[in-house]
Protein backbone atom coordinates (compact mmCIF):
# COMPACT_ATOMS: atom_id res chain seq x y z
CA MET A 1 202.85 -91.56 -242.11
CA ALA A 2 205.95 -93.77 -242.37
CA THR A 3 205.89 -97.38 -243.29
CA PHE A 4 207.35 -100.23 -241.57
CA ASP A 5 209.58 -100.93 -244.78
CA GLU A 6 210.80 -97.24 -244.34
CA PHE A 7 211.66 -97.89 -240.55
CA MET A 8 213.59 -101.04 -241.44
CA LYS A 9 215.81 -98.91 -243.80
CA LEU A 10 217.32 -97.42 -240.72
CA ASP A 11 220.41 -99.16 -239.32
CA ILE A 12 220.23 -98.46 -235.52
CA ARG A 13 222.92 -100.09 -233.50
CA VAL A 14 224.42 -100.19 -229.88
CA GLY A 15 227.74 -98.52 -229.35
CA THR A 16 229.71 -97.46 -226.21
CA ILE A 17 230.83 -94.06 -225.87
CA THR A 18 234.74 -94.03 -225.54
CA ALA A 19 235.36 -90.31 -225.35
CA ALA A 20 233.27 -87.12 -224.94
CA ARG A 21 234.38 -83.45 -225.02
CA VAL A 22 232.70 -80.10 -225.13
CA PHE A 23 232.22 -79.06 -228.93
CA GLU A 24 233.50 -75.47 -228.63
CA LYS A 25 232.61 -74.51 -232.18
CA ALA A 26 229.02 -75.71 -232.19
CA ARG A 27 226.27 -72.91 -232.54
CA LYS A 28 224.26 -74.61 -229.74
CA PRO A 29 225.91 -76.42 -226.69
CA ALA A 30 226.91 -79.90 -227.62
CA TYR A 31 229.58 -82.69 -227.03
CA GLN A 32 231.74 -84.38 -229.66
CA LEU A 33 231.36 -88.03 -228.95
CA THR A 34 233.50 -91.02 -230.15
CA VAL A 35 231.48 -94.23 -230.10
CA ASP A 36 232.75 -97.85 -230.58
CA PHE A 37 230.26 -100.06 -232.68
CA GLY A 38 232.32 -103.10 -232.67
CA GLU A 39 234.25 -104.90 -235.39
CA GLU A 40 231.67 -104.57 -238.22
CA ILE A 41 231.06 -100.78 -238.05
CA GLY A 42 234.23 -99.55 -235.97
CA VAL A 43 234.44 -96.39 -234.15
CA LYS A 44 232.38 -93.44 -235.39
CA LYS A 45 232.08 -89.69 -234.36
CA SER A 46 228.93 -87.81 -233.46
CA SER A 47 227.89 -84.35 -232.28
CA ALA A 48 225.22 -84.49 -229.64
CA GLN A 49 223.16 -81.61 -227.96
CA ILE A 50 222.93 -83.55 -224.63
CA MET A 51 224.65 -81.08 -222.26
CA ASP A 52 221.58 -80.46 -220.01
CA HIS A 53 221.63 -83.94 -218.33
CA TYR A 54 225.27 -85.22 -219.04
CA THR A 55 228.78 -84.29 -218.34
CA PRO A 56 231.73 -85.86 -220.41
CA GLU A 57 232.57 -88.14 -217.37
CA ASP A 58 228.92 -89.52 -217.27
CA LEU A 59 228.99 -90.33 -220.88
CA VAL A 60 232.36 -92.31 -221.19
CA GLY A 61 231.38 -96.14 -220.89
CA LYS A 62 227.74 -95.49 -221.61
CA GLN A 63 226.02 -97.60 -224.13
CA VAL A 64 223.71 -95.74 -226.63
CA LEU A 65 221.69 -96.34 -229.75
CA ALA A 66 222.47 -94.58 -232.95
CA VAL A 67 221.60 -94.59 -236.59
CA VAL A 68 224.71 -95.63 -238.36
CA ASN A 69 223.59 -95.34 -242.03
CA PHE A 70 222.76 -91.53 -242.40
CA PRO A 71 225.26 -89.67 -244.58
CA PRO A 72 227.99 -87.81 -242.49
CA ARG A 73 227.17 -84.28 -241.65
CA GLN A 74 229.72 -81.42 -241.42
CA ILE A 75 229.13 -79.31 -238.17
CA ALA A 76 231.68 -76.58 -237.96
CA ASP A 77 234.96 -78.21 -238.35
CA PHE A 78 233.83 -81.61 -237.23
CA MET A 79 232.26 -84.50 -239.34
CA SER A 80 229.40 -86.18 -237.41
CA GLU A 81 229.04 -89.65 -238.78
CA VAL A 82 226.27 -91.14 -236.71
CA LEU A 83 223.01 -89.87 -235.09
CA VAL A 84 222.86 -90.62 -231.36
CA LEU A 85 219.21 -91.23 -230.48
CA GLY A 86 217.53 -89.50 -227.46
CA THR A 87 214.12 -88.27 -226.41
CA TYR A 88 213.32 -84.55 -226.21
CA SER A 89 212.23 -84.56 -222.63
CA GLU A 90 211.75 -82.11 -219.83
CA GLY A 91 214.94 -80.41 -218.94
CA GLY A 92 216.68 -81.51 -222.21
CA VAL A 93 217.53 -84.51 -224.41
CA VAL A 94 217.85 -87.98 -222.64
CA LEU A 95 219.68 -90.64 -224.28
CA VAL A 96 218.24 -93.92 -225.49
CA THR A 97 220.11 -96.73 -223.99
CA PRO A 98 219.77 -100.50 -223.52
CA ASP A 99 218.60 -101.59 -220.19
CA MET A 100 221.41 -103.97 -219.82
CA ALA A 101 224.90 -104.46 -221.06
CA VAL A 102 224.89 -105.87 -224.80
CA LYS A 103 227.44 -106.28 -227.33
CA ASN A 104 228.59 -103.30 -229.39
CA GLY A 105 227.23 -103.53 -232.95
CA ASP A 106 223.91 -105.24 -231.81
CA LYS A 107 221.11 -104.09 -234.25
CA LEU A 108 217.73 -102.72 -233.02
CA GLY A 109 215.33 -105.29 -234.44
């Protein structure tokens, strides 16, 4: 069982997706995302297996929550720098999003 202190080590922030494209070299269908987390963290990249419910056009401008303090992960020829959060739901992954517009970089607390 995880402890509250372990959970608090995760740095989960809000960012806005500024670009999304099909990740052609991924083994499983995925997008390459560019996410703006504001001045403190900046712009980061992520690979996300979210093609069941989203098109690239749906994603641009959408605010998402992501873990920003995991080590980068090499996926094919792409370096994924953050983990965008979603739920494994019927029909595919559904993104975790704030229910109103907030500032990029806001921290889950």
